[in-house]
Amino acid sequence: MADPVIIEAAVNGLTRKEQSSHVPVDPGEIADDALACLDAGAAVVHNHIDMFGVDGAIAADRYLEGWSPVLDARPDALFYPTTNAGRDVASSYAHIAPLAERGGLRLSLVDPGSVNLGGLGPDGLPGPGFVYVNSYEDARHQFDLCATYRLGPSIAIFEPGFLRTALAWAAAGKLPAGAMVKLYFSGDHGTLAGFGLRPTARALDAYLELLEGTGVPWAVAVLGGDVVECGLARLAIERGGHLRVGLEDHAGPDGTAPPNNAELVAAAAALCREVGREPATPEDAARLLDLPERTAAA
């Protein structure tokens, strides 16, 4: 039987309440949403908090407000945060150590490259936007945190060069255990649309050519689109990949995100079963990724 599909629910991100009333923002909403997503078939939950650039311990406390009730009910649940968006890489990732030391974390994040991010302006041209900067030295810091705290890196791939950098770590035998690359394709809507490759079979093939023979697990996501509706999710499931869904990424034809996160997860889980692969449980995901055991809480 084919391996189960790891479904990640990216539940909020930069999506605002004005775009979707379903997007969870405060810790109580995040906890309720995470439990609903896990019940619907998600194995991993990724979320942002409602603050950036704060002290790492403060950010960790805010994440744990949302995670702790879920981990009490589902000790197997897998979470990971986003960057803290500080003034430099050390402050941007200062929340990772306290999250790992307090026992709430088995996954972390790595962004191994830089990219222009932003949708189209009223004139139809790219912008306004921002440059998301991650130097090779920044990526080394992020990977080193994963190695130090025994965290599986969720590696964001916005452009093909990001993947080549990540695979250099794999080729050198330095990729931390539990790694997965997330192949981000660009849809037509939202604040992050317009980067990288479009969600097509040929674009997926280009990434899979780079991944061939590496054994590195991979998943697909469409930022500013619908990974299921566009057909990319089916292609990924058929080819042995995994999925990321959720209101951080999802945008309908008018640029809004009307479903809730659990509905997006349920649709992805139904597609997995239709293709002949079951949605992974968190325990399945930990096994498939060969995740190190969770650090004991301090």
Protein backbone atom coordinates (compact mmCIF):
# COMPACT_ATOMS: atom_id res chain seq x y z
CA MET A 1 0.00 0.00 0.00
CA ALA A 2 1.24 3.51 -0.88
CA ASP A 3 2.52 5.66 1.96
CA PRO A 4 -0.07 7.99 3.52
CA VAL A 5 -0.16 11.66 2.55
CA ILE A 6 1.04 14.24 5.06
CA ILE A 7 -1.47 17.12 5.01
CA GLU A 8 -0.29 20.38 6.53
CA ALA A 9 -2.85 23.00 7.54
CA ALA A 10 -1.42 26.53 7.27
CA VAL A 11 -4.23 28.18 9.16
CA ASN A 12 -3.68 31.95 9.05
CA GLY A 13 -0.50 33.64 7.79
CA LEU A 14 -1.13 37.09 6.34
CA THR A 15 -4.81 36.37 5.67
CA ARG A 16 -6.98 38.95 7.45
CA LYS A 17 -10.40 38.67 9.02
CA GLU A 18 -11.69 41.02 6.30
CA GLN A 19 -10.71 38.39 3.74
CA SER A 20 -12.18 35.47 5.65
CA SER A 21 -14.13 35.52 8.87
CA HIS A 22 -12.92 31.94 9.43
CA VAL A 23 -9.24 32.79 9.82
CA PRO A 24 -8.04 32.15 13.40
CA VAL A 25 -6.04 34.95 15.02
CA ASP A 26 -5.99 34.75 18.81
CA PRO A 27 -4.65 31.67 20.64
CA GLY A 28 -8.10 30.31 21.52
CA GLU A 29 -9.19 30.47 17.88
CA ILE A 30 -5.93 28.85 16.78
CA ALA A 31 -6.37 26.00 19.27
CA ASP A 32 -9.95 25.30 18.17
CA ASP A 33 -8.99 25.49 14.51
CA ALA A 34 -5.97 23.22 14.95
CA LEU A 35 -8.08 20.54 16.65
CA ALA A 36 -10.67 20.73 13.88
CA CYS A 37 -7.95 20.40 11.24
CA LEU A 38 -6.39 17.40 12.98
CA ASP A 39 -9.82 15.76 13.20
CA ALA A 40 -10.34 16.43 9.47
CA GLY A 41 -7.10 14.70 8.49
CA ALA A 42 -4.22 17.11 8.98
CA ALA A 43 -0.96 15.80 10.44
CA VAL A 44 0.83 19.17 10.77
CA VAL A 45 -0.44 22.62 11.74
CA HIS A 46 1.46 25.79 10.86
CA ASN A 47 0.40 29.16 12.21
CA HIS A 48 1.46 32.75 12.74
CA ILE A 49 0.79 34.73 15.93
CA ASP A 50 -0.54 38.27 16.24
CA MET A 51 2.85 39.87 16.93
CA PHE A 52 6.22 40.15 15.17
CA GLY A 53 9.68 41.29 16.12
CA VAL A 54 9.15 40.76 19.85
CA ASP A 55 11.52 39.04 22.28
CA GLY A 56 11.84 35.34 21.45
CA ALA A 57 10.48 34.22 24.83
CA ILE A 58 7.41 36.45 24.41
CA ALA A 59 6.75 35.03 20.95
CA ALA A 60 7.20 31.47 22.28
CA ASP A 61 4.67 32.15 25.07
CA ARG A 62 2.14 33.39 22.53
CA TYR A 63 2.57 30.31 20.32
CA LEU A 64 2.21 28.00 23.31
CA GLU A 65 -1.04 29.71 24.36
CA GLY A 66 -2.54 28.25 21.21
CA TRP A 67 -0.59 24.99 21.08
CA SER A 68 -0.76 23.80 24.71
CA PRO A 69 -4.50 23.01 24.76
CA VAL A 70 -4.09 21.03 21.55
CA LEU A 71 -1.05 19.13 22.82
CA ASP A 72 -2.95 18.32 26.03
CA ALA A 73 -5.71 16.72 23.95
CA ARG A 74 -3.49 15.42 21.13
CA PRO A 75 0.10 14.87 22.38
CA ASP A 76 0.99 13.57 18.90
CA ALA A 77 0.11 16.88 17.20
CA LEU A 78 2.86 18.47 15.09
CA PHE A 79 3.16 22.26 15.03
CA TYR A 80 5.67 24.72 13.68
CA PRO A 81 5.78 28.54 13.74
CA THR A 82 6.78 31.18 11.24
CA THR A 83 9.69 33.61 11.43
CA ASN A 84 9.56 36.22 14.19
CA ALA A 85 10.51 38.87 11.58
CA GLY A 86 13.14 40.56 13.70
CA ARG A 87 15.95 42.89 12.72
CA ASP A 88 18.32 40.01 11.90
CA VAL A 89 18.27 36.22 11.61
CA ALA A 90 19.12 35.68 15.29
CA SER A 91 16.14 37.74 16.50
CA SER A 92 13.90 36.38 13.75
CA TYR A 93 14.48 32.84 15.04
CA ALA A 94 14.89 33.61 18.76
CA HIS A 95 11.58 31.88 19.57
CA ILE A 96 12.76 28.49 18.27
CA ALA A 97 15.00 27.61 21.22
CA PRO A 98 12.40 28.32 23.94
CA LEU A 99 9.72 26.46 21.98
CA ALA A 100 11.99 23.43 21.64
CA GLU A 101 13.18 23.59 25.25
CA ARG A 102 9.62 23.75 26.57
CA GLY A 103 8.63 20.62 24.67
CA GLY A 104 6.15 22.06 22.19
CA LEU A 105 8.14 21.60 19.02
CA ARG A 106 9.36 18.82 16.73
CA LEU A 107 9.47 20.87 13.51
CA SER A 108 11.02 24.21 12.60
CA LEU A 109 11.36 26.25 9.43
CA VAL A 110 14.09 27.11 6.96
CA ASP A 111 13.90 29.65 4.12
CA PRO A 112 17.02 28.99 2.01
CA GLY A 113 16.84 31.98 -0.34
CA SER A 114 15.53 35.45 -1.11
CA VAL A 115 12.54 36.48 -3.20
CA ASN A 116 10.38 39.47 -4.15
CA LEU A 117 6.89 38.98 -2.72
CA GLY A 118 3.77 41.00 -3.51
CA GLY A 119 0.70 40.90 -5.68
CA LEU A 120 -0.20 43.09 -8.63
CA GLY A 121 -0.95 46.78 -8.13
CA PRO A 122 -3.96 48.66 -9.59
CA ASP A 123 -1.94 49.25 -12.77
CA GLY A 124 -1.48 45.52 -13.27
CA LEU A 125 2.23 45.66 -12.48
CA PRO A 126 3.99 43.87 -9.61
CA GLY A 127 3.97 45.76 -6.33
CA PRO A 128 3.83 47.08 -3.80
CA GLY A 129 5.68 44.29 -2.09
CA PHE A 130 8.78 43.44 -0.12
CA VAL A 131 12.00 41.53 -0.52
CA TYR A 132 12.11 38.47 1.73
CA VAL A 133 15.84 38.22 2.38
CA ASN A 134 17.60 35.05 3.53
CA SER A 135 21.32 34.85 2.81
CA TYR A 136 23.27 31.60 2.75
CA GLU A 137 24.51 32.53 6.23
CA ASP A 138 20.92 33.07 7.39
CA ALA A 139 19.94 29.65 6.05
CA ARG A 140 22.91 28.11 7.86
CA HIS A 141 21.68 29.64 11.13
CA GLN A 142 18.19 28.23 10.53
CA PHE A 143 19.52 24.75 9.69
CA ASP A 144 21.86 24.85 12.68
CA LEU A 145 18.93 25.54 15.02
CA CYS A 146 17.20 22.45 13.64
CA ALA A 147 20.30 20.33 14.18
CA THR A 148 20.93 21.68 17.68
CA TYR A 149 17.37 21.19 18.92
CA ARG A 150 16.62 18.02 16.91
CA LEU A 151 13.87 19.64 14.85
CA GLY A 152 12.75 18.57 11.40
CA PRO A 153 13.13 21.52 9.01
CA SER A 154 10.13 22.54 6.93
CA ILE A 155 11.98 24.06 3.98
CA ALA A 156 10.11 26.71 1.97
CA ILE A 157 10.83 26.63 -1.76
CA PHE A 158 9.67 29.81 -3.47
CA GLU A 159 12.01 29.54 -6.46
CA PRO A 160 14.08 26.71 -8.01
CA GLY A 161 17.28 28.20 -6.57
CA PHE A 162 15.89 27.67 -3.07
CA LEU A 163 15.63 23.95 -3.81
CA ARG A 164 19.15 23.74 -5.20
CA THR A 165 20.45 25.31 -1.99
CA ALA A 166 18.50 22.86 0.19
CA LEU A 167 19.69 19.91 -1.89
CA ALA A 168 23.29 21.05 -1.48
CA TRP A 169 22.81 20.49 2.25
CA ALA A 170 21.41 17.04 1.50
CA ALA A 171 24.29 16.17 -0.85
CA ALA A 172 26.79 17.22 1.82
CA GLY A 173 25.08 14.98 4.38
CA LYS A 174 24.20 18.04 6.49
CA LEU A 175 20.41 18.11 6.12
CA PRO A 176 18.90 17.73 9.61
CA ALA A 177 16.72 14.67 10.24
CA GLY A 178 13.02 15.10 9.58
CA ALA A 179 13.40 17.50 6.64
CA MET A 180 10.69 18.10 4.07
CA VAL A 181 10.73 20.61 1.21
CA LYS A 182 7.55 22.55 0.52
CA LEU A 183 7.25 23.45 -3.15
CA TYR A 184 5.38 26.76 -3.24
CA PHE A 185 3.66 27.57 -6.52
CA SER A 186 2.18 30.97 -7.28
CA GLY A 187 -1.52 31.53 -7.90
CA ASP A 188 -3.21 34.61 -9.32
CA HIS A 189 -4.51 36.30 -6.18
CA GLY A 190 -3.40 37.58 -2.81
CA THR A 191 -0.44 39.45 -1.37
CA LEU A 192 2.07 36.69 -2.21
CA ALA A 193 0.98 35.94 -5.78
CA GLY A 194 3.37 36.46 -8.69
CA PHE A 195 6.60 34.73 -7.61
CA GLY A 196 8.17 31.55 -8.94
CA LEU A 197 6.45 28.86 -10.98
CA ARG A 198 2.75 28.47 -11.75
CA PRO A 199 0.91 25.34 -10.51
CA THR A 200 1.21 23.21 -13.64
CA ALA A 201 2.36 19.67 -14.40
CA ARG A 202 5.43 20.97 -16.22
CA ALA A 203 6.42 23.18 -13.31
CA LEU A 204 6.05 20.25 -10.90
CA ASP A 205 8.16 18.11 -13.23
CA ALA A 206 10.93 20.72 -13.13
CA TYR A 207 11.10 20.50 -9.35
CA LEU A 208 10.85 16.71 -9.37
CA GLU A 209 13.78 16.54 -11.79
CA LEU A 210 15.89 18.37 -9.21
CA LEU A 211 14.61 16.09 -6.45
CA GLU A 212 15.14 12.86 -8.39
CA GLY A 213 17.27 10.36 -6.49
CA THR A 214 17.62 12.52 -3.36
CA GLY A 215 14.99 10.78 -1.24
CA VAL A 216 13.96 14.12 0.30
CA PRO A 217 10.20 14.19 1.07
CA TRP A 218 8.26 16.95 -0.66
CA ALA A 219 4.88 18.64 -0.57
CA VAL A 220 3.08 21.16 -2.78
CA ALA A 221 1.20 24.35 -1.98
CA VAL A 222 -0.34 27.14 -4.05
CA LEU A 223 -0.04 30.61 -2.52
CA GLY A 224 -2.84 32.78 -3.86
CA GLY A 225 -4.85 29.92 -5.35
CA ASP A 226 -6.45 26.55 -4.61
CA VAL A 227 -4.06 23.59 -4.63
CA VAL A 228 -6.90 21.07 -4.93
CA GLU A 229 -9.10 22.87 -7.44
CA CYS A 230 -6.22 23.62 -9.84
CA GLY A 231 -5.28 19.93 -10.06
CA LEU A 232 -1.80 20.20 -8.56
CA ALA A 233 -2.77 18.29 -5.41
CA ARG A 234 -3.88 15.26 -7.43
CA LEU A 235 -0.62 15.28 -9.41
CA ALA A 236 1.39 15.43 -6.20
CA ILE A 237 -0.54 12.61 -4.54
CA GLU A 238 -0.17 10.42 -7.63
CA ARG A 239 3.59 11.07 -7.73
CA GLY A 240 4.28 10.31 -4.08
CA GLY A 241 4.17 13.82 -2.64
CA HIS A 242 2.33 15.49 0.22
CA LEU A 243 0.04 18.53 0.56
CA ARG A 244 -0.21 21.89 2.26
CA VAL A 245 -3.61 23.58 2.41
CA GLY A 246 -5.19 26.31 4.53
CA LEU A 247 -6.29 29.92 4.69
CA GLU A 248 -2.72 31.21 4.68
CA ASP A 249 -2.51 30.12 1.04
CA HIS A 250 -6.03 29.66 -0.29
CA ALA A 251 -7.70 32.21 -2.54
CA GLY A 252 -10.79 31.75 -4.67
CA PRO A 253 -11.43 33.38 -8.06
CA ASP A 254 -12.27 36.75 -6.48
CA GLY A 255 -9.24 36.70 -4.21
CA THR A 256 -11.16 35.72 -1.07
CA ALA A 257 -10.99 32.54 0.98
CA PRO A 258 -14.57 31.54 1.89
CA PRO A 259 -14.07 27.97 3.25
CA ASN A 260 -12.71 27.28 6.70
CA ASN A 261 -9.47 25.44 7.36
CA ALA A 262 -11.09 22.16 8.38
CA GLU A 263 -13.11 22.15 5.15
CA LEU A 264 -9.94 22.65 3.11
CA VAL A 265 -8.25 19.80 4.99
CA ALA A 266 -11.30 17.55 4.53
CA ALA A 267 -11.32 18.21 0.77
CA ALA A 268 -7.63 17.32 0.58
CA ALA A 269 -8.18 14.17 2.65
CA ALA A 270 -11.05 13.09 0.39
CA LEU A 271 -8.84 13.55 -2.66
CA CYS A 272 -6.11 11.44 -1.06
CA ARG A 273 -8.55 8.58 -0.54
CA GLU A 274 -9.92 8.96 -4.06
CA VAL A 275 -6.41 8.56 -5.48
CA GLY A 276 -5.74 5.57 -3.20
CA ARG A 277 -3.63 7.00 -0.38
CA GLU A 278 -4.82 7.63 3.15
CA PRO A 279 -4.23 10.94 4.99
CA ALA A 280 -1.33 10.54 7.42
CA THR A 281 -1.84 10.77 11.16
CA PRO A 282 0.73 12.81 13.10
CA GLU A 283 2.37 9.50 14.10
CA ASP A 284 2.51 8.49 10.43
CA ALA A 285 4.09 11.84 9.56
CA ALA A 286 6.73 11.50 12.28
CA ARG A 287 7.57 8.04 10.94
CA LEU A 288 7.64 9.05 7.29
CA LEU A 289 9.89 12.04 8.02
CA ASP A 290 12.00 10.10 10.55
CA LEU A 291 11.49 12.94 13.03
CA PRO A 292 13.62 12.97 16.17
CA GLU A 293 11.69 12.51 19.39
CA ARG A 294 10.22 15.65 20.96
CA THR A 295 12.56 17.37 23.42
CA ALA A 296 11.39 16.88 27.01
CA ALA A 297 9.65 19.93 28.45
CA ALA A 298 11.76 21.95 30.86
